[in-house]
Amino acid sequence: MSTLSVVITGSTRGIGKGIAAEVLKRGHNVIISGRTQQAVDAAIAELAPLATAGARVAGAPCDVSRRDELQRLWDAGIAAFGRIDIWVNNAGISHPRQRAGEMREADIKGVQQINLLGMMLATQIALRGMRAQGAGTIYNMEGFGSNGMITPGMSLYGASKFALTYFNKALLGETREGPVKVCYLSPGIVITDLLKRDMGSNNAKDLARTRRVYNILADRVETVTPWLAERILQPQKTGSRIAWLTGGKAGRRFLMSLFRKRQVLTDADFADG
């Protein structure tokens, strides 16, 4: 396989950073992004020693709700590596759980600006650039709500991901005959700072229920990202869904939980949340 160049939005921490690390370990170039230059510089310093086979890491600060900054991120990738083969729309934010009538205006605007508007703008930038170079693959990151699942207090985040899946489906119909592939990326429930902050916002009853479910279904970044990176780097058909936590896997984990307890979460996770 020739060396690929991969852009990952929101990749100075969490799942995005984990995927970037695994891509570098496999000998491919990565362009990372985060909100600030300081965060980007710190992530590059940590990731660079992981590169093999001459792979390199570059980056640029980027607020994905701003088209001009997304364009600069694309341009930074072209300047560093000459082309961008894969673009992963990973950037996203969550919010403290809040039910209908209690949602804060700042959260309503912020979640939709990053998770939905940011994904749409980034997809447009990547699609135009990849059409010009003649090929490329875009991955849009699914999450809770993508399949219509509903949990009290998560309607705002879930709505952004449900809309993302609809947008991706419509985008597939409009791009299917073109040179750019559009795919889904579904990491399942992964223990990140974003998720721990959400857990910390639960009341005692909700927290106990969340902890039980997450210990059955959730995984650590270091468990999921090698599997995701390996498949992102492989040629995929347009419309493919790379899904770690499938319905079948979730069902088996619930069944096995009757006999064997998984301990994914620790008390430290809740202290940090």
Protein backbone atom coordinates (compact mmCIF):
# COMPACT_ATOMS: atom_id res chain seq x y z
CA MET A 1 0.00 0.00 0.00
CA SER A 2 1.34 3.45 -0.90
CA THR A 3 1.63 6.10 1.78
CA LEU A 4 -1.71 7.81 2.43
CA SER A 5 -2.38 11.27 3.88
CA VAL A 6 -5.20 11.49 6.41
CA VAL A 7 -6.90 14.57 7.89
CA ILE A 8 -8.68 14.05 11.22
CA THR A 9 -10.67 16.91 12.70
CA GLY A 10 -10.80 17.19 16.48
CA SER A 11 -7.67 15.08 16.86
CA THR A 12 -5.69 16.65 19.69
CA ARG A 13 -7.35 14.27 22.18
CA GLY A 14 -9.77 11.37 22.50
CA ILE A 15 -10.76 9.13 19.62
CA GLY A 16 -9.33 11.47 16.98
CA LYS A 17 -5.91 11.50 18.59
CA GLY A 18 -6.05 7.74 19.05
CA ILE A 19 -6.80 7.18 15.36
CA ALA A 20 -4.02 9.60 14.39
CA ALA A 21 -1.53 7.63 16.49
CA GLU A 22 -2.54 4.34 14.89
CA VAL A 23 -2.36 5.77 11.37
CA LEU A 24 1.21 6.99 12.05
CA LYS A 25 2.20 3.61 13.48
CA ARG A 26 1.10 2.06 10.18
CA GLY A 27 3.39 4.35 8.19
CA HIS A 28 0.89 6.92 6.88
CA ASN A 29 0.84 10.72 7.14
CA VAL A 30 -1.60 12.55 9.41
CA ILE A 31 -2.87 16.12 9.58
CA ILE A 32 -4.36 16.82 13.00
CA SER A 33 -6.47 19.73 14.19
CA GLY A 34 -7.77 21.25 17.39
CA ARG A 35 -9.16 24.54 18.58
CA THR A 36 -5.81 26.15 19.47
CA GLN A 37 -2.27 26.18 18.13
CA GLN A 38 -1.05 25.19 21.60
CA ALA A 39 -3.17 22.03 21.56
CA VAL A 40 -2.01 21.17 18.03
CA ASP A 41 1.66 21.68 18.89
CA ALA A 42 1.38 19.52 22.02
CA ALA A 43 -0.33 16.70 20.12
CA ILE A 44 2.23 16.80 17.30
CA ALA A 45 5.07 16.55 19.84
CA GLU A 46 3.42 13.49 21.40
CA LEU A 47 2.46 11.80 18.13
CA ALA A 48 5.57 12.38 16.01
CA PRO A 49 7.72 9.70 17.77
CA LEU A 50 5.07 7.07 16.91
CA ALA A 51 5.52 7.43 13.15
CA THR A 52 7.08 4.59 11.16
CA ALA A 53 8.29 4.11 7.59
CA GLY A 54 8.95 7.82 7.10
CA ALA A 55 5.41 8.92 7.95
CA ARG A 56 4.96 12.48 9.18
CA VAL A 57 2.45 14.44 11.23
CA ALA A 58 1.40 18.03 10.56
CA GLY A 59 -1.46 20.10 11.89
CA ALA A 60 -3.35 23.36 12.05
CA PRO A 61 -5.75 24.96 14.53
CA CYS A 62 -9.32 24.76 13.28
CA ASP A 63 -12.78 25.71 14.53
CA VAL A 64 -14.89 23.44 12.34
CA SER A 65 -17.85 25.82 12.48
CA ARG A 66 -15.77 28.31 10.41
CA ARG A 67 -15.41 27.61 6.70
CA ASP A 68 -12.24 29.69 6.35
CA GLU A 69 -10.45 27.69 9.04
CA LEU A 70 -11.53 24.40 7.46
CA GLN A 71 -10.15 25.61 4.15
CA ARG A 72 -6.85 26.45 5.86
CA LEU A 73 -6.79 22.93 7.31
CA TRP A 74 -7.20 21.45 3.83
CA ASP A 75 -4.52 23.80 2.48
CA ALA A 76 -2.15 22.81 5.31
CA GLY A 77 -2.54 19.17 4.36
CA ILE A 78 -1.86 19.90 0.70
CA ALA A 79 1.16 22.01 1.58
CA ALA A 80 2.58 19.27 3.82
CA PHE A 81 1.84 16.17 1.75
CA GLY A 82 0.68 17.20 -1.72
CA ARG A 83 -2.73 15.51 -1.52
CA ILE A 84 -5.32 14.33 1.00
CA ASP A 85 -6.55 10.78 0.54
CA ILE A 86 -8.82 10.44 3.58
CA TRP A 87 -10.73 13.05 5.58
CA VAL A 88 -12.28 12.01 8.91
CA ASN A 89 -14.93 14.32 10.39
CA ASN A 90 -14.38 13.41 14.03
CA ALA A 91 -14.76 16.81 15.74
CA GLY A 92 -17.74 16.90 18.06
CA ILE A 93 -18.92 18.13 21.43
CA SER A 94 -21.45 16.93 23.97
CA HIS A 95 -23.23 18.68 26.84
CA PRO A 96 -24.38 18.06 30.40
CA ARG A 97 -27.58 16.03 30.26
CA GLN A 98 -30.60 18.32 30.17
CA ARG A 99 -34.18 17.47 29.41
CA ALA A 100 -36.67 19.28 27.20
CA GLY A 101 -37.47 22.72 28.59
CA GLU A 102 -34.17 22.81 30.49
CA MET A 103 -31.79 23.00 27.53
CA ARG A 104 -29.45 25.98 27.66
CA GLU A 105 -29.27 28.19 24.59
CA ALA A 106 -25.47 28.04 24.52
CA ASP A 107 -25.58 24.23 24.38
CA ILE A 108 -28.30 24.18 21.72
CA LYS A 109 -26.22 26.45 19.48
CA GLY A 110 -22.82 24.97 20.28
CA VAL A 111 -23.68 21.30 19.72
CA GLN A 112 -25.37 21.95 16.40
CA GLN A 113 -22.63 24.33 15.21
CA ILE A 114 -19.89 21.76 15.80
CA ASN A 115 -21.58 18.38 15.32
CA LEU A 116 -23.82 19.28 12.40
CA LEU A 117 -22.85 22.57 10.75
CA GLY A 118 -19.15 21.84 11.22
CA MET A 119 -19.50 18.38 9.69
CA MET A 120 -21.42 19.79 6.71
CA LEU A 121 -18.90 22.55 6.06
CA ALA A 122 -15.95 20.19 6.44
CA THR A 123 -17.56 17.67 4.10
CA GLN A 124 -18.04 20.39 1.51
CA ILE A 125 -14.40 21.51 1.75
CA ALA A 126 -13.10 17.94 1.51
CA LEU A 127 -15.49 17.00 -1.31
CA ARG A 128 -14.45 19.95 -3.45
CA GLY A 129 -10.75 19.35 -2.86
CA MET A 130 -10.96 15.62 -3.53
CA ARG A 131 -12.99 16.12 -6.69
CA ALA A 132 -10.26 18.45 -7.95
CA GLN A 133 -7.53 15.89 -7.24
CA GLY A 134 -9.64 13.06 -8.69
CA ALA A 135 -10.17 10.79 -5.67
CA GLY A 136 -10.56 10.57 -1.91
CA THR A 137 -12.68 9.18 0.91
CA ILE A 138 -14.67 11.11 3.53
CA TYR A 139 -15.70 9.49 6.82
CA ASN A 140 -18.43 11.11 8.93
CA MET A 141 -18.48 10.04 12.57
CA GLU A 142 -21.73 8.64 13.93
CA GLY A 143 -22.63 8.61 17.61
CA PHE A 144 -25.45 8.23 20.08
CA GLY A 145 -28.73 8.99 18.30
CA SER A 146 -27.54 8.03 14.82
CA ASN A 147 -29.89 5.05 14.79
CA GLY A 148 -32.77 6.92 16.45
CA MET A 149 -32.11 5.64 19.98
CA ILE A 150 -33.47 7.96 22.67
CA THR A 151 -32.25 8.50 26.24
CA PRO A 152 -33.60 11.20 28.59
CA GLY A 153 -31.36 14.25 28.63
CA MET A 154 -29.56 13.36 25.40
CA SER A 155 -32.02 14.71 22.84
CA LEU A 156 -29.79 17.63 21.85
CA TYR A 157 -26.68 15.52 21.12
CA GLY A 158 -28.75 12.69 19.66
CA ALA A 159 -30.54 15.04 17.27
CA SER A 160 -27.19 16.25 15.88
CA LYS A 161 -26.06 12.68 15.17
CA PHE A 162 -29.42 11.60 13.75
CA ALA A 163 -29.23 14.56 11.37
CA LEU A 164 -25.64 13.65 10.46
CA THR A 165 -26.74 10.17 9.38
CA TYR A 166 -29.55 11.63 7.29
CA PHE A 167 -27.14 14.08 5.66
CA ASN A 168 -24.66 11.31 4.90
CA LYS A 169 -27.40 9.21 3.31
CA ALA A 170 -28.48 12.12 1.12
CA LEU A 171 -24.86 12.89 0.27
CA LEU A 172 -24.34 9.32 -0.90
CA GLY A 173 -27.16 9.69 -3.39
CA GLU A 174 -25.62 12.86 -4.79
CA THR A 175 -22.02 11.62 -5.03
CA ARG A 176 -22.33 7.90 -5.80
CA GLU A 177 -21.17 8.20 -9.42
CA GLY A 178 -18.30 10.58 -8.63
CA PRO A 179 -14.63 10.01 -7.71
CA VAL A 180 -15.10 10.70 -3.97
CA LYS A 181 -16.30 8.00 -1.58
CA VAL A 182 -18.48 8.90 1.40
CA CYS A 183 -18.57 6.48 4.34
CA TYR A 184 -19.77 6.15 7.94
CA LEU A 185 -17.52 5.68 10.96
CA SER A 186 -19.16 4.34 14.13
CA PRO A 187 -16.82 3.84 17.12
CA GLY A 188 -19.46 2.77 19.64
CA ILE A 189 -19.25 3.93 23.25
CA VAL A 190 -15.68 5.03 23.98
CA ILE A 191 -14.46 6.38 27.32
CA THR A 192 -13.16 9.87 26.55
CA ASP A 193 -13.04 13.17 28.45
CA LEU A 194 -16.21 14.18 26.61
CA LEU A 195 -18.05 11.07 27.77
CA LYS A 196 -16.81 11.34 31.35
CA ARG A 197 -18.03 14.94 31.55
CA ASP A 198 -21.47 13.78 30.45
CA MET A 199 -21.49 11.02 33.08
CA GLY A 200 -20.61 13.49 35.78
CA SER A 201 -23.73 15.53 34.98
CA ASN A 202 -26.11 12.66 35.84
CA ASN A 203 -28.07 12.43 39.07
CA ALA A 204 -27.24 9.49 41.35
CA LYS A 205 -29.91 7.20 39.89
CA ASP A 206 -29.02 7.97 36.28
CA LEU A 207 -25.31 7.67 37.08
CA ALA A 208 -25.73 4.17 38.50
CA ARG A 209 -27.68 3.06 35.42
CA THR A 210 -25.15 4.68 33.08
CA ARG A 211 -22.27 3.00 34.87
CA ARG A 212 -23.90 -0.43 34.52
CA VAL A 213 -24.56 0.01 30.81
CA TYR A 214 -21.14 1.47 30.02
CA ASN A 215 -19.37 -1.36 31.84
CA ILE A 216 -21.18 -3.73 29.48
CA LEU A 217 -20.87 -1.81 26.21
CA ALA A 218 -18.08 0.77 26.44
CA ASP A 219 -14.41 0.43 25.50
CA ARG A 220 -11.22 2.41 25.95
CA VAL A 221 -9.67 4.54 23.22
CA GLU A 222 -6.67 2.24 22.98
CA THR A 223 -8.97 -0.75 22.38
CA VAL A 224 -11.07 0.74 19.60
CA THR A 225 -8.74 2.99 17.61
CA PRO A 226 -6.32 0.36 16.23
CA TRP A 227 -9.31 -1.50 14.75
CA LEU A 228 -10.80 1.70 13.32
CA ALA A 229 -7.51 2.93 11.83
CA GLU A 230 -6.80 -0.40 10.17
CA ARG A 231 -10.12 -0.27 8.33
CA ILE A 232 -10.03 3.44 7.50
CA LEU A 233 -6.77 2.84 5.67
CA GLN A 234 -8.21 0.00 3.60
CA PRO A 235 -10.11 0.72 0.36
CA GLN A 236 -13.84 0.87 1.07
CA LYS A 237 -16.92 0.99 -1.12
CA THR A 238 -18.80 4.27 -0.96
CA GLY A 239 -21.52 4.05 1.66
CA SER A 240 -19.59 1.56 3.81
CA ARG A 241 -20.11 1.70 7.57
CA ILE A 242 -17.11 0.88 9.74
CA ALA A 243 -18.81 -0.02 13.02
CA TRP A 244 -17.04 -1.29 16.12
CA LEU A 245 -20.09 -1.88 18.34
CA THR A 246 -22.55 -3.70 16.09
CA GLY A 247 -25.97 -4.83 17.25
CA GLY A 248 -24.75 -8.39 17.40
CA LYS A 249 -21.71 -7.50 19.52
CA ALA A 250 -23.86 -5.44 21.90
CA GLY A 251 -26.30 -8.33 22.27
CA ARG A 252 -23.51 -10.78 23.05
CA ARG A 253 -22.05 -8.42 25.64
CA PHE A 254 -25.40 -8.08 27.42
CA LEU A 255 -25.75 -11.85 27.40
CA MET A 256 -22.23 -12.38 28.74
CA SER A 257 -22.84 -9.78 31.46
CA LEU A 258 -25.10 -12.33 33.14
CA PHE A 259 -22.06 -14.54 33.73
CA ARG A 260 -19.01 -12.28 33.65
CA LYS A 261 -18.69 -8.63 34.68
CA ARG A 262 -16.64 -6.24 32.54
CA GLN A 263 -14.96 -3.42 34.46
CA VAL A 264 -14.26 -0.73 31.87
CA LEU A 265 -14.93 2.23 34.15
CA THR A 266 -12.98 2.97 37.30
CA ASP A 267 -13.65 5.32 40.21
CA ALA A 268 -11.00 7.61 38.71
CA ASP A 269 -13.17 8.09 35.63
CA PHE A 270 -15.96 9.48 37.76
CA ALA A 271 -13.64 11.58 39.89
CA ASP A 272 -12.27 13.17 36.71
CA GLY A 273 -15.69 13.60 35.09
